[in-house]
Amino acid sequence: MKLILKWLLSAAALLAVAHLFSGVQVASFTSALLAAAVIGLFNVVLRPVMVVLTFPVTLITLGLFLFVINALLFWAASGLLAGFQVSGFWAALVGSLIYSVLGVVIESALERLFPS
């Protein structure tokens, strides 16, 4: 139940990102659901590999390179889906930052609703 609710709220967060920032466009709620699923899958599968491979750069930049990794994954998801468009790297960076902030809010709210 918590996973489905998180997925639905993440899709709503993507719609909010598209509403707040013109560099990100989402065609419909269905497109947002697919994009949220792909971004979540990328974060589970690809992100850990990229973090390990770029560890020296991340260390030198004091962790700021993790923002670049998030932006690249956000941008890559838009490249796979027709209804989810990101206009470039900088739009992906800003969009992923807004999406991450909304994700923290979602996680906090779900933790209050469903304590572990």
PDB file of N, CA and C in Angstrom:
ATOM      1  N   MET A   1       0.825  -1.193   0.000  1.00  0.00           N
ATOM      2  CA  MET A   1       0.000   0.000   0.000  1.00  0.00           C
ATOM      3  C   MET A   1       0.875   1.266   0.000  1.00  0.00           C
ATOM      4  N   LYS A   2       1.909   1.255   0.842  1.00  0.00           N
ATOM      5  CA  LYS A   2       2.794   2.421   0.936  1.00  0.00           C
ATOM      6  C   LYS A   2       3.516   2.661  -0.391  1.00  0.00           C
ATOM      7  N   LEU A   3       3.941   1.588  -1.058  1.00  0.00           N
ATOM      8  CA  LEU A   3       4.657   1.714  -2.326  1.00  0.00           C
ATOM      9  C   LEU A   3       3.761   2.305  -3.413  1.00  0.00           C
ATOM     10  N   ILE A   4       2.517   1.863  -3.483  1.00  0.00           N
ATOM     11  CA  ILE A   4       1.583   2.384  -4.484  1.00  0.00           C
ATOM     12  C   ILE A   4       1.290   3.858  -4.212  1.00  0.00           C
ATOM     13  N   LEU A   5       1.095   4.192  -2.947  1.00  0.00           N
ATOM     14  CA  LEU A   5       0.839   5.588  -2.586  1.00  0.00           C
ATOM     15  C   LEU A   5       2.039   6.470  -2.915  1.00  0.00           C
ATOM     16  N   LYS A   6       3.233   5.961  -2.657  1.00  0.00           N
ATOM     17  CA  LYS A   6       4.444   6.720  -2.978  1.00  0.00           C
ATOM     18  C   LYS A   6       4.558   6.927  -4.483  1.00  0.00           C
ATOM     19  N   TRP A   7       4.219   5.906  -5.262  1.00  0.00           N
ATOM     20  CA  TRP A   7       4.267   6.000  -6.720  1.00  0.00           C
ATOM     21  C   TRP A   7       3.283   7.063  -7.226  1.00  0.00           C
ATOM     22  N   LEU A   8       2.067   7.030  -6.702  1.00  0.00           N
ATOM     23  CA  LEU A   8       1.048   8.008  -7.101  1.00  0.00           C
ATOM     24  C   LEU A   8       1.465   9.435  -6.717  1.00  0.00           C
ATOM     25  N   LEU A   9       1.999   9.581  -5.516  1.00  0.00           N
ATOM     26  CA  LEU A   9       2.440  10.905  -5.064  1.00  0.00           C
ATOM     27  C   LEU A   9       3.670  11.393  -5.836  1.00  0.00           C
ATOM     28  N   SER A  10       4.539  10.474  -6.220  1.00  0.00           N
ATOM     29  CA  SER A  10       5.705  10.844  -7.035  1.00  0.00           C
ATOM     30  C   SER A  10       5.270  11.317  -8.416  1.00  0.00           C
ATOM     31  N   ALA A  11       4.247  10.671  -8.964  1.00  0.00           N
ATOM     32  CA  ALA A  11       3.703  11.120 -10.252  1.00  0.00           C
ATOM     33  C   ALA A  11       3.100  12.510 -10.109  1.00  0.00           C
ATOM     34  N   ALA A  12       2.379  12.736  -9.015  1.00  0.00           N
ATOM     35  CA  ALA A  12       1.829  14.070  -8.755  1.00  0.00           C
ATOM     36  C   ALA A  12       2.950  15.088  -8.582  1.00  0.00           C
ATOM     37  N   ALA A  13       4.050  14.676  -7.962  1.00  0.00           N
ATOM     38  CA  ALA A  13       5.202  15.566  -7.795  1.00  0.00           C
ATOM     39  C   ALA A  13       5.792  15.934  -9.156  1.00  0.00           C
ATOM     40  N   LEU A  14       5.839  14.988 -10.083  1.00  0.00           N
ATOM     41  CA  LEU A  14       6.331  15.301 -11.428  1.00  0.00           C
ATOM     42  C   LEU A  14       5.428  16.308 -12.130  1.00  0.00           C
ATOM     43  N   LEU A  15       4.127  16.156 -11.941  1.00  0.00           N
ATOM     44  CA  LEU A  15       3.201  17.142 -12.501  1.00  0.00           C
ATOM     45  C   LEU A  15       3.434  18.513 -11.865  1.00  0.00           C
ATOM     46  N   ALA A  16       3.719  18.528 -10.571  1.00  0.00           N
ATOM     47  CA  ALA A  16       4.012  19.787  -9.887  1.00  0.00           C
ATOM     48  C   ALA A  16       5.299  20.412 -10.419  1.00  0.00           C
ATOM     49  N   VAL A  17       6.309  19.596 -10.671  1.00  0.00           N
ATOM     50  CA  VAL A  17       7.568  20.102 -11.240  1.00  0.00           C
ATOM     51  C   VAL A  17       7.292  20.743 -12.595  1.00  0.00           C
ATOM     52  N   ALA A  18       6.493  20.071 -13.418  1.00  0.00           N
ATOM     53  CA  ALA A  18       6.160  20.613 -14.739  1.00  0.00           C
ATOM     54  C   ALA A  18       5.375  21.918 -14.629  1.00  0.00           C
ATOM     55  N   HIS A  19       4.558  22.012 -13.596  1.00  0.00           N
ATOM     56  CA  HIS A  19       3.777  23.237 -13.391  1.00  0.00           C
ATOM     57  C   HIS A  19       4.661  24.385 -12.882  1.00  0.00           C
ATOM     58  N   LEU A  20       5.609  24.060 -12.013  1.00  0.00           N
ATOM     59  CA  LEU A  20       6.455  25.087 -11.406  1.00  0.00           C
ATOM     60  C   LEU A  20       7.604  25.531 -12.305  1.00  0.00           C
ATOM     61  N   PHE A  21       8.057  24.650 -13.193  1.00  0.00           N
ATOM     62  CA  PHE A  21       9.258  24.923 -13.985  1.00  0.00           C
ATOM     63  C   PHE A  21       8.991  24.597 -15.451  1.00  0.00           C
ATOM     64  N   SER A  22       9.197  25.565 -16.309  1.00  0.00           N
ATOM     65  CA  SER A  22       8.846  25.399 -17.727  1.00  0.00           C
ATOM     66  C   SER A  22       9.792  24.479 -18.501  1.00  0.00           C
ATOM     67  N   GLY A  23      10.940  24.155 -17.958  1.00  0.00           N
ATOM     68  CA  GLY A  23      11.887  23.272 -18.650  1.00  0.00           C
ATOM     69  C   GLY A  23      11.498  21.811 -18.620  1.00  0.00           C
ATOM     70  N   VAL A  24      10.508  21.475 -17.812  1.00  0.00           N
ATOM     71  CA  VAL A  24      10.024  20.094 -17.707  1.00  0.00           C
ATOM     72  C   VAL A  24       8.559  20.081 -18.126  1.00  0.00           C
ATOM     73  N   GLN A  25       8.217  19.146 -19.007  1.00  0.00           N
ATOM     74  CA  GLN A  25       6.838  19.025 -19.475  1.00  0.00           C
ATOM     75  C   GLN A  25       6.361  17.594 -19.324  1.00  0.00           C
ATOM     76  N   VAL A  26       5.162  17.443 -18.787  1.00  0.00           N
ATOM     77  CA  VAL A  26       4.535  16.135 -18.630  1.00  0.00           C
ATOM     78  C   VAL A  26       3.174  16.214 -19.306  1.00  0.00           C
ATOM     79  N   ALA A  27       2.909  15.272 -20.222  1.00  0.00           N
ATOM     80  CA  ALA A  27       1.700  15.330 -21.037  1.00  0.00           C
ATOM     81  C   ALA A  27       0.432  14.991 -20.261  1.00  0.00           C
ATOM     82  N   SER A  28       0.518  14.008 -19.366  1.00  0.00           N
ATOM     83  CA  SER A  28      -0.684  13.559 -18.655  1.00  0.00           C
ATOM     84  C   SER A  28      -0.280  12.865 -17.358  1.00  0.00           C
ATOM     85  N   PHE A  29      -1.287  12.526 -16.563  1.00  0.00           N
ATOM     86  CA  PHE A  29      -0.997  11.807 -15.322  1.00  0.00           C
ATOM     87  C   PHE A  29      -0.448  10.415 -15.622  1.00  0.00           C
ATOM     88  N   THR A  30      -0.926   9.804 -16.704  1.00  0.00           N
ATOM     89  CA  THR A  30      -0.400   8.491 -17.107  1.00  0.00           C
ATOM     90  C   THR A  30       1.084   8.600 -17.451  1.00  0.00           C
ATOM     91  N   SER A  31       1.450   9.639 -18.181  1.00  0.00           N
ATOM     92  CA  SER A  31       2.870   9.870 -18.497  1.00  0.00           C
ATOM     93  C   SER A  31       3.676  10.107 -17.225  1.00  0.00           C
ATOM     94  N   ALA A  32       3.083  10.825 -16.277  1.00  0.00           N
ATOM     95  CA  ALA A  32       3.758  11.073 -15.002  1.00  0.00           C
ATOM     96  C   ALA A  32       3.947   9.769 -14.225  1.00  0.00           C
ATOM     97  N   LEU A  33       2.954   8.887 -14.267  1.00  0.00           N
ATOM     98  CA  LEU A  33       3.089   7.578 -13.598  1.00  0.00           C
ATOM     99  C   LEU A  33       4.227   6.772 -14.209  1.00  0.00           C
ATOM    100  N   LEU A  34       4.286   6.742 -15.532  1.00  0.00           N
ATOM    101  CA  LEU A  34       5.371   6.006 -16.204  1.00  0.00           C
ATOM    102  C   LEU A  34       6.722   6.635 -15.899  1.00  0.00           C
ATOM    103  N   ALA A  35       6.786   7.957 -15.942  1.00  0.00           N
ATOM    104  CA  ALA A  35       8.053   8.646 -15.665  1.00  0.00           C
ATOM    105  C   ALA A  35       8.499   8.416 -14.225  1.00  0.00           C
ATOM    106  N   ALA A  36       7.571   8.461 -13.278  1.00  0.00           N
ATOM    107  CA  ALA A  36       7.923   8.208 -11.875  1.00  0.00           C
ATOM    108  C   ALA A  36       8.449   6.789 -11.699  1.00  0.00           C
ATOM    109  N   ALA A  37       7.852   5.835 -12.400  1.00  0.00           N
ATOM    110  CA  ALA A  37       8.317   4.451 -12.319  1.00  0.00           C
ATOM    111  C   ALA A  37       9.716   4.309 -12.908  1.00  0.00           C
ATOM    112  N   VAL A  38       9.959   4.935 -14.055  1.00  0.00           N
ATOM    113  CA  VAL A  38      11.280   4.853 -14.693  1.00  0.00           C
ATOM    114  C   VAL A  38      12.337   5.554 -13.841  1.00  0.00           C
ATOM    115  N   ILE A  39      12.026   6.727 -13.318  1.00  0.00           N
ATOM    116  CA  ILE A  39      12.978   7.435 -12.455  1.00  0.00           C
ATOM    117  C   ILE A  39      13.274   6.603 -11.211  1.00  0.00           C
ATOM    118  N   GLY A  40      12.249   6.015 -10.616  1.00  0.00           N
ATOM    119  CA  GLY A  40      12.454   5.147  -9.455  1.00  0.00           C
ATOM    120  C   GLY A  40      13.316   3.942  -9.786  1.00  0.00           C
ATOM    121  N   LEU A  41      13.070   3.331 -10.939  1.00  0.00           N
ATOM    122  CA  LEU A  41      13.876   2.185 -11.372  1.00  0.00           C
ATOM    123  C   LEU A  41      15.322   2.593 -11.605  1.00  0.00           C
ATOM    124  N   PHE A  42      15.532   3.739 -12.253  1.00  0.00           N
ATOM    125  CA  PHE A  42      16.887   4.253 -12.466  1.00  0.00           C
ATOM    126  C   PHE A  42      17.590   4.509 -11.138  1.00  0.00           C
ATOM    127  N   ASN A  43      16.859   5.065 -10.173  1.00  0.00           N
ATOM    128  CA  ASN A  43      17.462   5.358  -8.869  1.00  0.00           C
ATOM    129  C   ASN A  43      17.836   4.091  -8.109  1.00  0.00           C
ATOM    130  N   VAL A  44      17.104   3.013  -8.340  1.00  0.00           N
ATOM    131  CA  VAL A  44      17.405   1.755  -7.656  1.00  0.00           C
ATOM    132  C   VAL A  44      18.526   0.991  -8.359  1.00  0.00           C
ATOM    133  N   VAL A  45      18.533   1.007  -9.692  1.00  0.00           N
ATOM    134  CA  VAL A  45      19.472   0.171 -10.448  1.00  0.00           C
ATOM    135  C   VAL A  45      20.722   0.941 -10.890  1.00  0.00           C
ATOM    136  N   LEU A  46      20.532   2.060 -11.558  1.00  0.00           N
ATOM    137  CA  LEU A  46      21.675   2.763 -12.151  1.00  0.00           C
ATOM    138  C   LEU A  46      22.410   3.698 -11.196  1.00  0.00           C
ATOM    139  N   ARG A  47      21.682   4.358 -10.325  1.00  0.00           N
ATOM    140  CA  ARG A  47      22.304   5.357  -9.449  1.00  0.00           C
ATOM    141  C   ARG A  47      23.429   4.773  -8.590  1.00  0.00           C
ATOM    142  N   PRO A  48      23.228   3.624  -7.928  1.00  0.00           N
ATOM    143  CA  PRO A  48      24.340   3.089  -7.121  1.00  0.00           C
ATOM    144  C   PRO A  48      25.586   2.787  -7.954  1.00  0.00           C
ATOM    145  N   VAL A  49      25.402   2.294  -9.162  1.00  0.00           N
ATOM    146  CA  VAL A  49      26.539   2.004 -10.035  1.00  0.00           C
ATOM    147  C   VAL A  49      27.256   3.302 -10.406  1.00  0.00           C
ATOM    148  N   MET A  50      26.486   4.318 -10.758  1.00  0.00           N
ATOM    149  CA  MET A  50      27.088   5.601 -11.126  1.00  0.00           C
ATOM    150  C   MET A  50      27.788   6.262  -9.941  1.00  0.00           C
ATOM    151  N   VAL A  51      27.223   6.125  -8.756  1.00  0.00           N
ATOM    152  CA  VAL A  51      27.850   6.701  -7.560  1.00  0.00           C
ATOM    153  C   VAL A  51      29.201   6.037  -7.300  1.00  0.00           C
ATOM    154  N   VAL A  52      29.249   4.729  -7.435  1.00  0.00           N
ATOM    155  CA  VAL A  52      30.516   4.014  -7.223  1.00  0.00           C
ATOM    156  C   VAL A  52      31.541   4.381  -8.294  1.00  0.00           C
ATOM    157  N   LEU A  53      31.101   4.435  -9.551  1.00  0.00           N
ATOM    158  CA  LEU A  53      32.035   4.744 -10.643  1.00  0.00           C
ATOM    159  C   LEU A  53      32.568   6.175 -10.589  1.00  0.00           C
ATOM    160  N   THR A  54      31.782   7.074 -10.043  1.00  0.00           N
ATOM    161  CA  THR A  54      32.205   8.484  -9.999  1.00  0.00           C
ATOM    162  C   THR A  54      32.634   8.907  -8.597  1.00  0.00           C
ATOM    163  N   PHE A  55      32.942   7.949  -7.751  1.00  0.00           N
ATOM    164  CA  PHE A  55      33.298   8.266  -6.368  1.00  0.00           C
ATOM    165  C   PHE A  55      34.454   9.263  -6.249  1.00  0.00           C
ATOM    166  N   PRO A  56      35.538   9.118  -7.034  1.00  0.00           N
ATOM    167  CA  PRO A  56      36.624  10.106  -6.905  1.00  0.00           C
ATOM    168  C   PRO A  56      36.171  11.539  -7.217  1.00  0.00           C
ATOM    169  N   VAL A  57      35.368  11.699  -8.260  1.00  0.00           N
ATOM    170  CA  VAL A  57      34.873  13.032  -8.612  1.00  0.00           C
ATOM    171  C   VAL A  57      33.939  13.542  -7.528  1.00  0.00           C
ATOM    172  N   THR A  58      33.087  12.668  -7.011  1.00  0.00           N
ATOM    173  CA  THR A  58      32.165  13.051  -5.944  1.00  0.00           C
ATOM    174  C   THR A  58      32.939  13.475  -4.704  1.00  0.00           C
ATOM    175  N   LEU A  59      34.005  12.775  -4.404  1.00  0.00           N
ATOM    176  CA  LEU A  59      34.831  13.108  -3.242  1.00  0.00           C
ATOM    177  C   LEU A  59      35.509  14.473  -3.421  1.00  0.00           C
ATOM    178  N   ILE A  60      36.040  14.705  -4.616  1.00  0.00           N
ATOM    179  CA  ILE A  60      36.728  15.973  -4.891  1.00  0.00           C
ATOM    180  C   ILE A  60      35.749  17.147  -4.827  1.00  0.00           C
ATOM    181  N   THR A  61      34.529  16.940  -5.295  1.00  0.00           N
ATOM    182  CA  THR A  61      33.529  18.021  -5.303  1.00  0.00           C
ATOM    183  C   THR A  61      32.709  18.066  -4.019  1.00  0.00           C
ATOM    184  N   LEU A  62      33.132  17.313  -3.016  1.00  0.00           N
ATOM    185  CA  LEU A  62      32.456  17.268  -1.717  1.00  0.00           C
ATOM    186  C   LEU A  62      30.979  16.872  -1.835  1.00  0.00           C
ATOM    187  N   GLY A  63      30.702  15.968  -2.757  1.00  0.00           N
ATOM    188  CA  GLY A  63      29.357  15.430  -2.905  1.00  0.00           C
ATOM    189  C   GLY A  63      28.476  16.167  -3.895  1.00  0.00           C
ATOM    190  N   LEU A  64      28.934  17.303  -4.396  1.00  0.00           N
ATOM    191  CA  LEU A  64      28.103  18.074  -5.321  1.00  0.00           C
ATOM    192  C   LEU A  64      27.876  17.360  -6.647  1.00  0.00           C
ATOM    193  N   PHE A  65      28.761  16.440  -7.000  1.00  0.00           N
ATOM    194  CA  PHE A  65      28.592  15.703  -8.250  1.00  0.00           C
ATOM    195  C   PHE A  65      27.359  14.802  -8.208  1.00  0.00           C
ATOM    196  N   LEU A  66      26.858  14.491  -7.020  1.00  0.00           N
ATOM    197  CA  LEU A  66      25.634  13.692  -6.908  1.00  0.00           C
ATOM    198  C   LEU A  66      24.448  14.412  -7.543  1.00  0.00           C
ATOM    199  N   PHE A  67      24.458  15.747  -7.521  1.00  0.00           N
ATOM    200  CA  PHE A  67      23.412  16.515  -8.201  1.00  0.00           C
ATOM    201  C   PHE A  67      23.462  16.283  -9.709  1.00  0.00           C
ATOM    202  N   VAL A  68      24.674  16.159 -10.238  1.00  0.00           N
ATOM    203  CA  VAL A  68      24.845  15.896 -11.668  1.00  0.00           C
ATOM    204  C   VAL A  68      24.309  14.507 -11.999  1.00  0.00           C
ATOM    205  N   ILE A  69      24.606  13.531 -11.162  1.00  0.00           N
ATOM    206  CA  ILE A  69      24.104  12.172 -11.379  1.00  0.00           C
ATOM    207  C   ILE A  69      22.579  12.167 -11.376  1.00  0.00           C
ATOM    208  N   ASN A  70      21.969  12.842 -10.405  1.00  0.00           N
ATOM    209  CA  ASN A  70      20.506  12.920 -10.353  1.00  0.00           C
ATOM    210  C   ASN A  70      19.947  13.572 -11.610  1.00  0.00           C
ATOM    211  N   ALA A  71      20.573  14.637 -12.059  1.00  0.00           N
ATOM    212  CA  ALA A  71      20.111  15.333 -13.263  1.00  0.00           C
ATOM    213  C   ALA A  71      20.231  14.438 -14.493  1.00  0.00           C
ATOM    214  N   LEU A  72      21.325  13.708 -14.599  1.00  0.00           N
ATOM    215  CA  LEU A  72      21.504  12.819 -15.748  1.00  0.00           C
ATOM    216  C   LEU A  72      20.455  11.699 -15.768  1.00  0.00           C
ATOM    217  N   LEU A  73      20.138  11.156 -14.615  1.00  0.00           N
ATOM    218  CA  LEU A  73      19.110  10.113 -14.553  1.00  0.00           C
ATOM    219  C   LEU A  73      17.734  10.681 -14.880  1.00  0.00           C
ATOM    220  N   PHE A  74      17.443  11.866 -14.394  1.00  0.00           N
ATOM    221  CA  PHE A  74      16.184  12.549 -14.683  1.00  0.00           C
ATOM    222  C   PHE A  74      16.065  12.806 -16.186  1.00  0.00           C
ATOM    223  N   TRP A  75      17.150  13.278 -16.777  1.00  0.00           N
ATOM    224  CA  TRP A  75      17.191  13.571 -18.205  1.00  0.00           C
ATOM    225  C   TRP A  75      17.086  12.290 -19.027  1.00  0.00           C
ATOM    226  N   ALA A  76      17.757  11.232 -18.585  1.00  0.00           N
ATOM    227  CA  ALA A  76      17.704   9.946 -19.292  1.00  0.00           C
ATOM    228  C   ALA A  76      16.286   9.386 -19.301  1.00  0.00           C
ATOM    229  N   ALA A  77      15.578   9.538 -18.199  1.00  0.00           N
ATOM    230  CA  ALA A  77      14.189   9.067 -18.142  1.00  0.00           C
ATOM    231  C   ALA A  77      13.343   9.808 -19.169  1.00  0.00           C
ATOM    232  N   SER A  78      13.590  11.095 -19.342  1.00  0.00           N
ATOM    233  CA  SER A  78      12.820  11.854 -20.329  1.00  0.00           C
ATOM    234  C   SER A  78      13.149  11.407 -21.752  1.00  0.00           C
ATOM    235  N   GLY A  79      14.344  10.909 -21.954  1.00  0.00           N
ATOM    236  CA  GLY A  79      14.721  10.420 -23.273  1.00  0.00           C
ATOM    237  C   GLY A  79      14.030   9.125 -23.653  1.00  0.00           C
ATOM    238  N   LEU A  80      13.581   8.371 -22.664  1.00  0.00           N
ATOM    239  CA  LEU A  80      12.917   7.093 -22.925  1.00  0.00           C
ATOM    240  C   LEU A  80      11.408   7.211 -23.113  1.00  0.00           C
ATOM    241  N   LEU A  81      10.827   8.282 -22.606  1.00  0.00           N
ATOM    242  CA  LEU A  81       9.374   8.399 -22.573  1.00  0.00           C
ATOM    243  C   LEU A  81       8.894   9.546 -23.460  1.00  0.00           C
ATOM    244  N   ALA A  82       7.818   9.302 -24.188  1.00  0.00           N
ATOM    245  CA  ALA A  82       7.299  10.310 -25.109  1.00  0.00           C
ATOM    246  C   ALA A  82       6.557  11.436 -24.379  1.00  0.00           C
ATOM    247  N   GLY A  83       5.860  11.133 -23.307  1.00  0.00           N
ATOM    248  CA  GLY A  83       5.049  12.138 -22.632  1.00  0.00           C
ATOM    249  C   GLY A  83       5.765  12.920 -21.551  1.00  0.00           C
ATOM    250  N   PHE A  84       7.058  12.707 -21.407  1.00  0.00           N
ATOM    251  CA  PHE A  84       7.858  13.377 -20.375  1.00  0.00           C
ATOM    252  C   PHE A  84       9.070  13.994 -21.063  1.00  0.00           C
ATOM    253  N   GLN A  85       9.116  15.315 -21.097  1.00  0.00           N
ATOM    254  CA  GLN A  85      10.181  16.018 -21.817  1.00  0.00           C
ATOM    255  C   GLN A  85      10.947  16.953 -20.885  1.00  0.00           C
ATOM    256  N   VAL A  86      12.264  16.921 -21.015  1.00  0.00           N
ATOM    257  CA  VAL A  86      13.144  17.847 -20.299  1.00  0.00           C
ATOM    258  C   VAL A  86      13.975  18.548 -21.363  1.00  0.00           C
ATOM    259  N   SER A  87      14.022  19.874 -21.328  1.00  0.00           N
ATOM    260  CA  SER A  87      14.593  20.638 -22.438  1.00  0.00           C
ATOM    261  C   SER A  87      16.117  20.681 -22.483  1.00  0.00           C
ATOM    262  N   GLY A  88      16.823  20.176 -21.509  1.00  0.00           N
ATOM    263  CA  GLY A  88      18.280  20.166 -21.541  1.00  0.00           C
ATOM    264  C   GLY A  88      18.854  19.812 -20.180  1.00  0.00           C
ATOM    265  N   PHE A  89      20.194  19.829 -20.105  1.00  0.00           N
ATOM    266  CA  PHE A  89      20.828  19.435 -18.851  1.00  0.00           C
ATOM    267  C   PHE A  89      20.460  20.364 -17.700  1.00  0.00           C
ATOM    268  N   TRP A  90      20.480  21.681 -17.930  1.00  0.00           N
ATOM    269  CA  TRP A  90      20.182  22.619 -16.843  1.00  0.00           C
ATOM    270  C   TRP A  90      18.735  22.484 -16.388  1.00  0.00           C
ATOM    271  N   ALA A  91      17.850  22.228 -17.328  1.00  0.00           N
ATOM    272  CA  ALA A  91      16.453  21.978 -16.962  1.00  0.00           C
ATOM    273  C   ALA A  91      16.343  20.685 -16.161  1.00  0.00           C
ATOM    274  N   ALA A  92      17.143  19.689 -16.532  1.00  0.00           N
ATOM    275  CA  ALA A  92      17.149  18.429 -15.782  1.00  0.00           C
ATOM    276  C   ALA A  92      17.690  18.645 -14.370  1.00  0.00           C
ATOM    277  N   LEU A  93      18.697  19.501 -14.241  1.00  0.00           N
ATOM    278  CA  LEU A  93      19.259  19.777 -12.924  1.00  0.00           C
ATOM    279  C   LEU A  93      18.232  20.468 -12.021  1.00  0.00           C
ATOM    280  N   VAL A  94      17.600  21.500 -12.536  1.00  0.00           N
ATOM    281  CA  VAL A  94      16.592  22.217 -11.745  1.00  0.00           C
ATOM    282  C   VAL A  94      15.393  21.317 -11.473  1.00  0.00           C
ATOM    283  N   GLY A  95      14.933  20.598 -12.496  1.00  0.00           N
ATOM    284  CA  GLY A  95      13.795  19.695 -12.332  1.00  0.00           C
ATOM    285  C   GLY A  95      14.064  18.595 -11.329  1.00  0.00           C
ATOM    286  N   SER A  96      15.266  18.030 -11.378  1.00  0.00           N
ATOM    287  CA  SER A  96      15.595  16.954 -10.430  1.00  0.00           C
ATOM    288  C   SER A  96      15.720  17.492  -9.006  1.00  0.00           C
ATOM    289  N   LEU A  97      16.182  18.729  -8.855  1.00  0.00           N
ATOM    290  CA  LEU A  97      16.252  19.334  -7.523  1.00  0.00           C
ATOM    291  C   LEU A  97      14.851  19.535  -6.931  1.00  0.00           C
ATOM    292  N   ILE A  98      13.951  20.083  -7.746  1.00  0.00           N
ATOM    293  CA  ILE A  98      12.578  20.282  -7.270  1.00  0.00           C
ATOM    294  C   ILE A  98      11.928  18.947  -6.967  1.00  0.00           C
ATOM    295  N   TYR A  99      12.118  17.975  -7.851  1.00  0.00           N
ATOM    296  CA  TYR A  99      11.553  16.634  -7.668  1.00  0.00           C
ATOM    297  C   TYR A  99      12.108  15.968  -6.400  1.00  0.00           C
ATOM    298  N   SER A 100      13.389  16.168  -6.130  1.00  0.00           N
ATOM    299  CA  SER A 100      14.000  15.596  -4.923  1.00  0.00           C
ATOM    300  C   SER A 100      13.431  16.218  -3.656  1.00  0.00           C
ATOM    301  N   VAL A 101      13.242  17.542  -3.669  1.00  0.00           N
ATOM    302  CA  VAL A 101      12.658  18.217  -2.507  1.00  0.00           C
ATOM    303  C   VAL A 101      11.241  17.698  -2.261  1.00  0.00           C
ATOM    304  N   LEU A 102      10.467  17.582  -3.331  1.00  0.00           N
ATOM    305  CA  LEU A 102       9.112  17.047  -3.191  1.00  0.00           C
ATOM    306  C   LEU A 102       9.137  15.589  -2.729  1.00  0.00           C
ATOM    307  N   GLY A 103      10.144  14.837  -3.172  1.00  0.00           N
ATOM    308  CA  GLY A 103      10.300  13.444  -2.736  1.00  0.00           C
ATOM    309  C   GLY A 103      10.572  13.339  -1.244  1.00  0.00           C
ATOM    310  N   VAL A 104      11.359  14.261  -0.712  1.00  0.00           N
ATOM    311  CA  VAL A 104      11.624  14.280   0.729  1.00  0.00           C
ATOM    312  C   VAL A 104      10.337  14.582   1.496  1.00  0.00           C
ATOM    313  N   VAL A 105       9.543  15.509   0.988  1.00  0.00           N
ATOM    314  CA  VAL A 105       8.258  15.825   1.623  1.00  0.00           C
ATOM    315  C   VAL A 105       7.332  14.613   1.587  1.00  0.00           C
ATOM    316  N   ILE A 106       7.300  13.918   0.463  1.00  0.00           N
ATOM    317  CA  ILE A 106       6.465  12.722   0.323  1.00  0.00           C
ATOM    318  C   ILE A 106       6.919  11.645   1.304  1.00  0.00           C
ATOM    319  N   GLU A 107       8.228  11.408   1.366  1.00  0.00           N
ATOM    320  CA  GLU A 107       8.756  10.393   2.283  1.00  0.00           C
ATOM    321  C   GLU A 107       8.408  10.723   3.731  1.00  0.00           C
ATOM    322  N   SER A 108       8.545  11.987   4.088  1.00  0.00           N
ATOM    323  CA  SER A 108       8.229  12.412   5.451  1.00  0.00           C
ATOM    324  C   SER A 108       6.751  12.193   5.770  1.00  0.00           C
ATOM    325  N   ALA A 109       5.884  12.566   4.835  1.00  0.00           N
ATOM    326  CA  ALA A 109       4.447  12.382   5.042  1.00  0.00           C
ATOM    327  C   ALA A 109       4.075  10.909   5.140  1.00  0.00           C
ATOM    328  N   LEU A 110       4.671  10.079   4.293  1.00  0.00           N
ATOM    329  CA  LEU A 110       4.364   8.642   4.330  1.00  0.00           C
ATOM    330  C   LEU A 110       4.893   7.993   5.605  1.00  0.00           C
ATOM    331  N   GLU A 111       6.015   8.480   6.089  1.00  0.00           N
ATOM    332  CA  GLU A 111       6.557   7.926   7.331  1.00  0.00           C
ATOM    333  C   GLU A 111       5.643   8.241   8.509  1.00  0.00           C
ATOM    334  N   ARG A 112       5.006   9.388   8.479  1.00  0.00           N
ATOM    335  CA  ARG A 112       4.052   9.734   9.527  1.00  0.00           C
ATOM    336  C   ARG A 112       2.776   8.900   9.428  1.00  0.00           C
ATOM    337  N   LEU A 113       2.352   8.623   8.190  1.00  0.00           N
ATOM    338  CA  LEU A 113       1.152   7.822   7.990  1.00  0.00           C
ATOM    339  C   LEU A 113       1.373   6.337   8.279  1.00  0.00           C
ATOM    340  N   PHE A 114       2.549   5.850   7.844  1.00  0.00           N
ATOM    341  CA  PHE A 114       2.889   4.432   7.990  1.00  0.00           C
ATOM    342  C   PHE A 114       4.205   4.279   8.732  1.00  0.00           C
ATOM    343  N   PRO A 115       4.221   4.489  10.046  1.00  0.00           N
ATOM    344  CA  PRO A 115       5.489   4.359  10.775  1.00  0.00           C
ATOM    345  C   PRO A 115       5.996   2.924  10.732  1.00  0.00           C
ATOM    346  N   SER A 116       7.301   2.794  10.667  1.00  0.00           N
ATOM    347  CA  SER A 116       7.904   1.452  10.549  1.00  0.00           C
ATOM    348  C   SER A 116       7.937   0.715  11.855  1.00  0.00           C
TER     349      SER A 116
END
